[in-house]
C-alpha cells in the first residue's frame, strides 16, 4: 500500500492507495509545533481505525509547501513505517515540463496537481485550486506547465475581514438569495461567494484566451464544492487531485533511489 501525504499551509491531506486505487482519505490540521511522535500517534490512530494495518503500508510519497513539516513526515515514515519516502522536489520525474522563469519557485503541490490533471484529463487544462490560496495553473497540449495566478483564498479573506474590523462577524460560506444584501450577514456572504465566483470565472476566461477555449477546467481544494454551483464553469471537481498525482508520480519514479 502507498501512503500519500500532501502538506498544505492549513491542512494535511492523507490518502492510502491499494493497487493504484484510493481507498481512504483523511484531512488533519497543519501544525508546525507538533513533533514527529505526535503526528505519528495521530496518523497511526486514524489509519488503524480504518482497519488498515501499518505493516501493510510499504511505500510513501510526500509533497509539501511547509518545509519544517516535510522533515517531520520524512522522519515519521522512516522511524515508524520503516519507509524511505519519495519527496516531490527538484529532480523528481513528473511527466510534465515546467516552463517557468524559476522552476524551483513553483510549489510542489502545484506541480503535482498539474501532473495529475495532465495525466487524467490531458491538455490544455486549467486547474483551479480553492484552498488557503486561490491558485490557477495552466498546462498546454504539449505536457508543459506554463504557470498561473495566485490570489488570497476565500477563508483567508473572510478571516481578514473579521479580524480587521470591529463590527463585521464570521458567516457561513453559502450563497445568499440576492447579490444586494439586506443585512450584514447576507452582504458579507454576497461579497465572498459571488465575489470569488466572479473572480474565478474572470480568470478562467482570461486563461482560455491564452490557452484556447477547448481547455478543460478542473477544480480541486477544500472549497471547490462550495463554489462549484456559483462558478458553473468547472468541467470536473476532483477533490483528491493532489493525492492522485502523488500516486502517479510515485509510480513514475518507481525503482529510482529516493535517498
C-alpha atoms as a PDB file:
ATOM      1  CA  UNK A   1       0.000   0.000   0.000  1.00  0.00           C
ATOM      2  CA  UNK A   2       1.097   3.555  -0.745  1.00  0.00           C
ATOM      3  CA  UNK A   3       0.777   6.325   1.825  1.00  0.00           C
ATOM      4  CA  UNK A   4       0.325   9.699   0.071  1.00  0.00           C
ATOM      5  CA  UNK A   5       0.765  12.895   2.089  1.00  0.00           C
ATOM      6  CA  UNK A   6       0.036  16.419   0.856  1.00  0.00           C
ATOM      7  CA  UNK A   7       1.191  19.022   3.383  1.00  0.00           C
ATOM      8  CA  UNK A   8      -0.570  22.351   2.872  1.00  0.00           C
ATOM      9  CA  UNK A   9      -0.477  25.573   4.854  1.00  0.00           C
ATOM     10  CA  UNK A  10      -3.833  24.906   6.535  1.00  0.00           C
ATOM     11  CA  UNK A  11      -4.488  21.179   6.177  1.00  0.00           C
ATOM     12  CA  UNK A  12      -2.598  17.966   5.545  1.00  0.00           C
ATOM     13  CA  UNK A  13      -4.353  15.548   3.205  1.00  0.00           C
ATOM     14  CA  UNK A  14      -3.530  11.877   3.679  1.00  0.00           C
ATOM     15  CA  UNK A  15      -4.516   9.012   1.405  1.00  0.00           C
ATOM     16  CA  UNK A  16      -3.948   5.273   1.190  1.00  0.00           C
ATOM     17  CA  UNK A  17      -3.686   3.604  -2.219  1.00  0.00           C
ATOM     18  CA  UNK A  18      -4.106  -0.125  -2.717  1.00  0.00           C
ATOM     19  CA  UNK A  19      -3.301  -1.459  -6.185  1.00  0.00           C
ATOM     20  CA  UNK A  20      -3.480   2.148  -7.507  1.00  0.00           C
ATOM     21  CA  UNK A  21      -6.983   2.656  -6.045  1.00  0.00           C
ATOM     22  CA  UNK A  22      -7.502   5.409  -3.449  1.00  0.00           C
ATOM     23  CA  UNK A  23      -9.253   3.551  -0.637  1.00  0.00           C
ATOM     24  CA  UNK A  24      -9.095   6.007   2.289  1.00  0.00           C
ATOM     25  CA  UNK A  25      -8.559   9.737   2.750  1.00  0.00           C
ATOM     26  CA  UNK A  26      -8.237  11.979   5.785  1.00  0.00           C
ATOM     27  CA  UNK A  27      -7.591  15.633   6.454  1.00  0.00           C
ATOM     28  CA  UNK A  28      -5.796  16.897   9.546  1.00  0.00           C
ATOM     29  CA  UNK A  29      -4.770  20.395  10.608  1.00  0.00           C
ATOM     30  CA  UNK A  30      -1.289  21.647   9.783  1.00  0.00           C
ATOM     31  CA  UNK A  31       0.565  22.433  12.986  1.00  0.00           C
ATOM     32  CA  UNK A  32       4.293  23.174  12.844  1.00  0.00           C
ATOM     33  CA  UNK A  33       4.509  22.832  16.622  1.00  0.00           C
ATOM     34  CA  UNK A  34       3.630  19.126  16.521  1.00  0.00           C
ATOM     35  CA  UNK A  35       6.544  16.719  16.812  1.00  0.00           C
ATOM     36  CA  UNK A  36       7.213  13.673  14.690  1.00  0.00           C
ATOM     37  CA  UNK A  37       5.959  11.453  17.516  1.00  0.00           C
ATOM     38  CA  UNK A  38       2.735  13.465  17.896  1.00  0.00           C
ATOM     39  CA  UNK A  39       1.947  13.269  14.188  1.00  0.00           C
ATOM     40  CA  UNK A  40       2.843   9.567  14.217  1.00  0.00           C
ATOM     41  CA  UNK A  41       0.410   8.903  17.063  1.00  0.00           C
ATOM     42  CA  UNK A  42      -2.368  10.769  15.248  1.00  0.00           C
ATOM     43  CA  UNK A  43      -1.650   9.069  11.928  1.00  0.00           C
ATOM     44  CA  UNK A  44      -1.472   5.619  13.490  1.00  0.00           C
ATOM     45  CA  UNK A  45      -4.828   6.153  15.187  1.00  0.00           C
ATOM     46  CA  UNK A  46      -6.735   7.216  12.063  1.00  0.00           C
ATOM     47  CA  UNK A  47      -5.162   4.503   9.919  1.00  0.00           C
ATOM     48  CA  UNK A  48      -5.830   1.738  12.428  1.00  0.00           C
ATOM     49  CA  UNK A  49      -9.401   2.985  12.915  1.00  0.00           C
ATOM     50  CA  UNK A  50      -9.933   2.369   9.209  1.00  0.00           C
ATOM     51  CA  UNK A  51      -8.959  -1.277   9.570  1.00  0.00           C
ATOM     52  CA  UNK A  52      -5.611  -0.901   7.810  1.00  0.00           C
ATOM     53  CA  UNK A  53      -2.518  -2.461   9.335  1.00  0.00           C
ATOM     54  CA  UNK A  54       0.528  -0.229   9.461  1.00  0.00           C
ATOM     55  CA  UNK A  55       2.628  -3.176   8.287  1.00  0.00           C
ATOM     56  CA  UNK A  56       0.611  -3.194   5.043  1.00  0.00           C
ATOM     57  CA  UNK A  57       1.997   0.250   4.145  1.00  0.00           C
ATOM     58  CA  UNK A  58       5.268  -0.283   2.318  1.00  0.00           C
ATOM     59  CA  UNK A  59       5.516   2.856   0.145  1.00  0.00           C
ATOM     60  CA  UNK A  60       5.141   6.587   0.730  1.00  0.00           C
ATOM     61  CA  UNK A  61       5.142   9.786  -1.325  1.00  0.00           C
ATOM     62  CA  UNK A  62       5.084  13.327   0.074  1.00  0.00           C
ATOM     63  CA  UNK A  63       4.617  16.795  -1.329  1.00  0.00           C
ATOM     64  CA  UNK A  64       4.792  19.785   0.960  1.00  0.00           C
ATOM     65  CA  UNK A  65       4.784  23.580   0.993  1.00  0.00           C
ATOM     66  CA  UNK A  66       5.760  23.694   4.689  1.00  0.00           C
ATOM     67  CA  UNK A  67       9.464  22.734   4.920  1.00  0.00           C
ATOM     68  CA  UNK A  68       9.559  22.043   8.692  1.00  0.00           C
ATOM     69  CA  UNK A  69       6.691  19.555   8.348  1.00  0.00           C
ATOM     70  CA  UNK A  70       8.329  17.976   5.303  1.00  0.00           C
ATOM     71  CA  UNK A  71      11.170  16.909   7.573  1.00  0.00           C
ATOM     72  CA  UNK A  72       8.691  15.794  10.241  1.00  0.00           C
ATOM     73  CA  UNK A  73       6.851  13.407   7.912  1.00  0.00           C
ATOM     74  CA  UNK A  74      10.079  12.200   6.324  1.00  0.00           C
ATOM     75  CA  UNK A  75      11.291  11.187   9.782  1.00  0.00           C
ATOM     76  CA  UNK A  76       7.861   9.739  10.641  1.00  0.00           C
ATOM     77  CA  UNK A  77       7.928   7.425   7.622  1.00  0.00           C
ATOM     78  CA  UNK A  78      11.445   6.263   8.352  1.00  0.00           C
ATOM     79  CA  UNK A  79      11.018   5.822  12.111  1.00  0.00           C
ATOM     80  CA  UNK A  80       7.519   4.349  12.350  1.00  0.00           C
ATOM     81  CA  UNK A  81       6.887   2.759   8.956  1.00  0.00           C
ATOM     82  CA  UNK A  82      10.475   1.838   8.037  1.00  0.00           C
ATOM     83  CA  UNK A  83       9.947   3.522   4.664  1.00  0.00           C
ATOM     84  CA  UNK A  84      12.202   5.921   2.805  1.00  0.00           C
ATOM     85  CA  UNK A  85       9.529   8.181   1.238  1.00  0.00           C
ATOM     86  CA  UNK A  86       9.704   9.859  -2.151  1.00  0.00           C
ATOM     87  CA  UNK A  87       9.560  13.601  -1.501  1.00  0.00           C
ATOM     88  CA  UNK A  88       8.491  15.505  -4.599  1.00  0.00           C
ATOM     89  CA  UNK A  89      11.031  18.162  -5.444  1.00  0.00           C
ATOM     90  CA  UNK A  90      13.731  19.150  -7.872  1.00  0.00           C
ATOM     91  CA  UNK A  91      14.769  16.133  -9.939  1.00  0.00           C
ATOM     92  CA  UNK A  92      11.556  14.192  -9.394  1.00  0.00           C
ATOM     93  CA  UNK A  93      10.051  12.821 -12.608  1.00  0.00           C
ATOM     94  CA  UNK A  94       6.544  14.230 -13.069  1.00  0.00           C
ATOM     95  CA  UNK A  95       5.709  13.645 -16.721  1.00  0.00           C
ATOM     96  CA  UNK A  96       5.473  17.380 -17.439  1.00  0.00           C
ATOM     97  CA  UNK A  97       7.970  20.084 -18.334  1.00  0.00           C
ATOM     98  CA  UNK A  98       7.904  23.226 -16.197  1.00  0.00           C
ATOM     99  CA  UNK A  99       8.050  26.404 -18.303  1.00  0.00           C
ATOM    100  CA  UNK A 100       8.559  28.984 -15.575  1.00  0.00           C
ATOM    101  CA  UNK A 101      11.159  31.718 -15.046  1.00  0.00           C
ATOM    102  CA  UNK A 102      12.449  29.897 -11.970  1.00  0.00           C
ATOM    103  CA  UNK A 103      11.048  26.337 -11.909  1.00  0.00           C
ATOM    104  CA  UNK A 104      12.245  25.872  -8.333  1.00  0.00           C
ATOM    105  CA  UNK A 105       9.852  28.616  -7.211  1.00  0.00           C
ATOM    106  CA  UNK A 106       6.733  26.622  -8.137  1.00  0.00           C
ATOM    107  CA  UNK A 107       5.141  24.948  -5.111  1.00  0.00           C
ATOM    108  CA  UNK A 108       5.383  21.163  -5.108  1.00  0.00           C
ATOM    109  CA  UNK A 109       1.610  20.884  -4.755  1.00  0.00           C
ATOM    110  CA  UNK A 110       1.075  22.934  -7.928  1.00  0.00           C
ATOM    111  CA  UNK A 111       3.398  20.646  -9.892  1.00  0.00           C
ATOM    112  CA  UNK A 112       1.703  17.537  -8.503  1.00  0.00           C
ATOM    113  CA  UNK A 113      -1.736  18.927  -9.393  1.00  0.00           C
ATOM    114  CA  UNK A 114      -0.543  19.811 -12.896  1.00  0.00           C
ATOM    115  CA  UNK A 115       0.961  16.368 -13.421  1.00  0.00           C
ATOM    116  CA  UNK A 116      -2.226  14.687 -12.205  1.00  0.00           C
ATOM    117  CA  UNK A 117      -4.507  16.846 -14.353  1.00  0.00           C
ATOM    118  CA  UNK A 118      -2.327  16.301 -17.415  1.00  0.00           C
ATOM    119  CA  UNK A 119      -2.331  12.541 -16.804  1.00  0.00           C
ATOM    120  CA  UNK A 120      -6.061  12.227 -16.076  1.00  0.00           C
ATOM    121  CA  UNK A 121      -7.585  14.846 -18.392  1.00  0.00           C
ATOM    122  CA  UNK A 122      -4.869  15.802 -20.863  1.00  0.00           C
ATOM    123  CA  UNK A 123      -4.046  19.296 -22.052  1.00  0.00           C
ATOM    124  CA  UNK A 124      -4.818  22.050 -22.486  1.00  0.00           C
ATOM    125  CA  UNK A 125      -6.072  22.246 -18.930  1.00  0.00           C
ATOM    126  CA  UNK A 126      -6.751  24.858 -16.267  1.00  0.00           C
ATOM    127  CA  UNK A 127      -6.574  23.853 -12.615  1.00  0.00           C
ATOM    128  CA  UNK A 128      -8.400  25.949 -10.024  1.00  0.00           C
ATOM    129  CA  UNK A 129      -7.207  25.047  -6.529  1.00  0.00           C
ATOM    130  CA  UNK A 130      -9.513  26.563  -3.916  1.00  0.00           C
ATOM    131  CA  UNK A 131      -7.694  26.262  -0.621  1.00  0.00           C
ATOM    132  CA  UNK A 132      -5.718  28.614   1.622  1.00  0.00           C
ATOM    133  CA  UNK A 133      -4.923  30.494  -1.574  1.00  0.00           C
ATOM    134  CA  UNK A 134      -6.968  30.579  -4.754  1.00  0.00           C
ATOM    135  CA  UNK A 135      -4.498  29.213  -7.301  1.00  0.00           C
ATOM    136  CA  UNK A 136      -4.845  28.906 -11.062  1.00  0.00           C
ATOM    137  CA  UNK A 137      -2.460  26.729 -13.087  1.00  0.00           C
ATOM    138  CA  UNK A 138      -2.189  26.171 -16.821  1.00  0.00           C
ATOM    139  CA  UNK A 139      -0.994  23.151 -18.823  1.00  0.00           C
ATOM    140  CA  UNK A 140      -0.820  23.200 -22.606  1.00  0.00           C
ATOM    141  CA  UNK A 141      -1.309  20.304 -25.016  1.00  0.00           C
ATOM    142  CA  UNK A 142       2.435  19.639 -25.117  1.00  0.00           C
ATOM    143  CA  UNK A 143       2.639  18.412 -21.491  1.00  0.00           C
ATOM    144  CA  UNK A 144       4.072  21.740 -20.385  1.00  0.00           C
ATOM    145  CA  UNK A 145       3.258  23.578 -17.175  1.00  0.00           C
ATOM    146  CA  UNK A 146       3.130  27.230 -18.182  1.00  0.00           C
ATOM    147  CA  UNK A 147       2.497  28.978 -14.877  1.00  0.00           C
ATOM    148  CA  UNK A 148      -0.577  30.513 -13.331  1.00  0.00           C
ATOM    149  CA  UNK A 149      -2.001  33.045 -10.912  1.00  0.00           C
ATOM    150  CA  UNK A 150      -2.370  33.275  -7.135  1.00  0.00           C
ATOM    151  CA  UNK A 151      -4.970  35.210  -5.122  1.00  0.00           C
ATOM    152  CA  UNK A 152      -5.878  35.128  -1.418  1.00  0.00           C
ATOM    153  CA  UNK A 153      -8.228  32.279  -0.560  1.00  0.00           C
ATOM    154  CA  UNK A 154     -11.817  32.917   0.397  1.00  0.00           C
ATOM    155  CA  UNK A 155     -11.381  31.820   4.015  1.00  0.00           C
ATOM    156  CA  UNK A 156      -8.221  33.922   4.321  1.00  0.00           C
ATOM    157  CA  UNK A 157     -10.196  36.931   3.094  1.00  0.00           C
ATOM    158  CA  UNK A 158     -13.120  36.151   5.388  1.00  0.00           C
ATOM    159  CA  UNK A 159     -10.806  35.852   8.400  1.00  0.00           C
ATOM    160  CA  UNK A 160      -9.019  39.066   7.489  1.00  0.00           C
ATOM    161  CA  UNK A 161     -12.371  40.864   7.245  1.00  0.00           C
ATOM    162  CA  UNK A 162     -13.397  39.558  10.665  1.00  0.00           C
ATOM    163  CA  UNK A 163     -10.044  40.254  12.350  1.00  0.00           C
ATOM    164  CA  UNK A 164      -9.555  43.708  10.848  1.00  0.00           C
ATOM    165  CA  UNK A 165     -12.964  45.179  11.662  1.00  0.00           C
ATOM    166  CA  UNK A 166     -14.843  45.753  14.872  1.00  0.00           C
ATOM    167  CA  UNK A 167     -18.429  45.175  13.708  1.00  0.00           C
ATOM    168  CA  UNK A 168     -18.253  42.509  10.994  1.00  0.00           C
ATOM    169  CA  UNK A 169     -18.739  38.901  12.028  1.00  0.00           C
ATOM    170  CA  UNK A 170     -17.964  35.429  10.770  1.00  0.00           C
ATOM    171  CA  UNK A 171     -20.590  33.997   8.427  1.00  0.00           C
ATOM    172  CA  UNK A 172     -21.418  30.645   6.939  1.00  0.00           C
ATOM    173  CA  UNK A 173     -19.964  30.242   3.464  1.00  0.00           C
ATOM    174  CA  UNK A 174     -23.146  29.903   1.449  1.00  0.00           C
ATOM    175  CA  UNK A 175     -24.658  31.991  -1.323  1.00  0.00           C
ATOM    176  CA  UNK A 176     -27.396  34.424  -0.261  1.00  0.00           C
ATOM    177  CA  UNK A 177     -30.579  34.748  -2.296  1.00  0.00           C
ATOM    178  CA  UNK A 178     -29.639  38.121  -3.749  1.00  0.00           C
ATOM    179  CA  UNK A 179     -26.391  39.912  -4.591  1.00  0.00           C
ATOM    180  CA  UNK A 180     -27.703  43.053  -2.871  1.00  0.00           C
ATOM    181  CA  UNK A 181     -27.581  42.103   0.800  1.00  0.00           C
ATOM    182  CA  UNK A 182     -30.298  43.446   3.107  1.00  0.00           C
ATOM    183  CA  UNK A 183     -28.315  42.716   6.287  1.00  0.00           C
ATOM    184  CA  UNK A 184     -24.686  42.367   7.328  1.00  0.00           C
ATOM    185  CA  UNK A 185     -24.627  38.566   7.095  1.00  0.00           C
ATOM    186  CA  UNK A 186     -26.029  38.388   3.570  1.00  0.00           C
ATOM    187  CA  UNK A 187     -23.854  41.324   2.497  1.00  0.00           C
ATOM    188  CA  UNK A 188     -20.685  39.509   3.591  1.00  0.00           C
ATOM    189  CA  UNK A 189     -21.909  36.254   2.034  1.00  0.00           C
ATOM    190  CA  UNK A 190     -22.597  38.061  -1.230  1.00  0.00           C
ATOM    191  CA  UNK A 191     -19.161  39.646  -1.282  1.00  0.00           C
ATOM    192  CA  UNK A 192     -17.409  36.377  -0.538  1.00  0.00           C
ATOM    193  CA  UNK A 193     -19.438  33.868  -2.541  1.00  0.00           C
ATOM    194  CA  UNK A 194     -20.401  35.965  -5.572  1.00  0.00           C
ATOM    195  CA  UNK A 195     -17.206  38.000  -5.485  1.00  0.00           C
ATOM    196  CA  UNK A 196     -14.975  34.932  -5.530  1.00  0.00           C
ATOM    197  CA  UNK A 197     -17.166  33.157  -8.075  1.00  0.00           C
ATOM    198  CA  UNK A 198     -16.802  36.105 -10.431  1.00  0.00           C
ATOM    199  CA  UNK A 199     -13.062  36.324  -9.756  1.00  0.00           C
ATOM    200  CA  UNK A 200     -12.742  32.650 -10.710  1.00  0.00           C
ATOM    201  CA  UNK A 201     -14.936  32.993 -13.791  1.00  0.00           C
ATOM    202  CA  UNK A 202     -12.984  36.024 -14.928  1.00  0.00           C
ATOM    203  CA  UNK A 203      -9.625  34.295 -14.516  1.00  0.00           C
ATOM    204  CA  UNK A 204     -10.859  31.201 -16.339  1.00  0.00           C
ATOM    205  CA  UNK A 205     -11.907  33.391 -19.269  1.00  0.00           C
ATOM    206  CA  UNK A 206      -8.514  35.097 -19.309  1.00  0.00           C
ATOM    207  CA  UNK A 207      -6.672  31.762 -19.191  1.00  0.00           C
ATOM    208  CA  UNK A 208      -8.799  30.389 -22.036  1.00  0.00           C
ATOM    209  CA  UNK A 209      -7.886  33.380 -24.193  1.00  0.00           C
ATOM    210  CA  UNK A 210      -4.248  32.330 -23.829  1.00  0.00           C
ATOM    211  CA  UNK A 211      -4.665  28.539 -23.786  1.00  0.00           C
ATOM    212  CA  UNK A 212      -7.647  28.109 -26.095  1.00  0.00           C
ATOM    213  CA  UNK A 213     -11.360  27.746 -25.488  1.00  0.00           C
ATOM    214  CA  UNK A 214     -11.054  23.951 -25.520  1.00  0.00           C
ATOM    215  CA  UNK A 215      -9.054  23.997 -22.274  1.00  0.00           C
ATOM    216  CA  UNK A 216     -10.670  21.801 -19.623  1.00  0.00           C
ATOM    217  CA  UNK A 217     -11.263  23.395 -16.223  1.00  0.00           C
ATOM    218  CA  UNK A 218     -10.609  21.196 -13.190  1.00  0.00           C
ATOM    219  CA  UNK A 219     -11.390  22.367  -9.665  1.00  0.00           C
ATOM    220  CA  UNK A 220      -9.799  20.977  -6.538  1.00  0.00           C
ATOM    221  CA  UNK A 221      -9.218  22.065  -2.949  1.00  0.00           C
ATOM    222  CA  UNK A 222     -11.443  22.244   0.091  1.00  0.00           C
ATOM    223  CA  UNK A 223     -13.718  24.990  -1.247  1.00  0.00           C
ATOM    224  CA  UNK A 224     -14.255  23.535  -4.731  1.00  0.00           C
ATOM    225  CA  UNK A 225     -17.634  22.035  -3.890  1.00  0.00           C
ATOM    226  CA  UNK A 226     -18.688  25.210  -2.043  1.00  0.00           C
ATOM    227  CA  UNK A 227     -18.178  27.365  -5.138  1.00  0.00           C
ATOM    228  CA  UNK A 228     -18.987  24.814  -7.850  1.00  0.00           C
ATOM    229  CA  UNK A 229     -22.586  25.921  -8.374  1.00  0.00           C
ATOM    230  CA  UNK A 230     -21.812  29.648  -8.421  1.00  0.00           C
ATOM    231  CA  UNK A 231     -18.895  29.311 -10.849  1.00  0.00           C
ATOM    232  CA  UNK A 232     -20.610  26.766 -13.140  1.00  0.00           C
ATOM    233  CA  UNK A 233     -17.580  26.569 -15.452  1.00  0.00           C
ATOM    234  CA  UNK A 234     -15.821  23.535 -13.986  1.00  0.00           C
ATOM    235  CA  UNK A 235     -15.606  20.504 -16.259  1.00  0.00           C
ATOM    236  CA  UNK A 236     -14.847  18.369 -13.221  1.00  0.00           C
ATOM    237  CA  UNK A 237     -14.344  18.722  -9.476  1.00  0.00           C
ATOM    238  CA  UNK A 238     -11.591  16.400  -8.259  1.00  0.00           C
ATOM    239  CA  UNK A 239     -11.036  16.908  -4.539  1.00  0.00           C
ATOM    240  CA  UNK A 240      -8.347  14.209  -4.432  1.00  0.00           C
ATOM    241  CA  UNK A 241      -6.356  15.525  -7.401  1.00  0.00           C
ATOM    242  CA  UNK A 242      -3.147  16.066  -5.419  1.00  0.00           C
ATOM    243  CA  UNK A 243      -3.255  12.644  -3.770  1.00  0.00           C
ATOM    244  CA  UNK A 244      -3.841  11.005  -7.155  1.00  0.00           C
ATOM    245  CA  UNK A 245      -0.932  12.987  -8.508  1.00  0.00           C
ATOM    246  CA  UNK A 246       1.315  11.698  -5.736  1.00  0.00           C
ATOM    247  CA  UNK A 247       0.358   8.126  -6.609  1.00  0.00           C
ATOM    248  CA  UNK A 248       1.059   8.767 -10.288  1.00  0.00           C
ATOM    249  CA  UNK A 249       4.416  10.445  -9.622  1.00  0.00           C
ATOM    250  CA  UNK A 250       5.488   7.730  -7.196  1.00  0.00           C
ATOM    251  CA  UNK A 251       4.962   5.015  -9.783  1.00  0.00           C
ATOM    252  CA  UNK A 252       6.641   7.138 -12.443  1.00  0.00           C
ATOM    253  CA  UNK A 253       9.713   7.222 -10.188  1.00  0.00           C
ATOM    254  CA  UNK A 254       9.443   3.613  -9.008  1.00  0.00           C
ATOM    255  CA  UNK A 255      12.803   1.914  -8.985  1.00  0.00           C
ATOM    256  CA  UNK A 256      14.736   5.115  -8.504  1.00  0.00           C
ATOM    257  CA  UNK A 257      16.962   5.647  -5.493  1.00  0.00           C
ATOM    258  CA  UNK A 258      14.899   8.033  -3.344  1.00  0.00           C
ATOM    259  CA  UNK A 259      17.516   8.551  -0.672  1.00  0.00           C
END
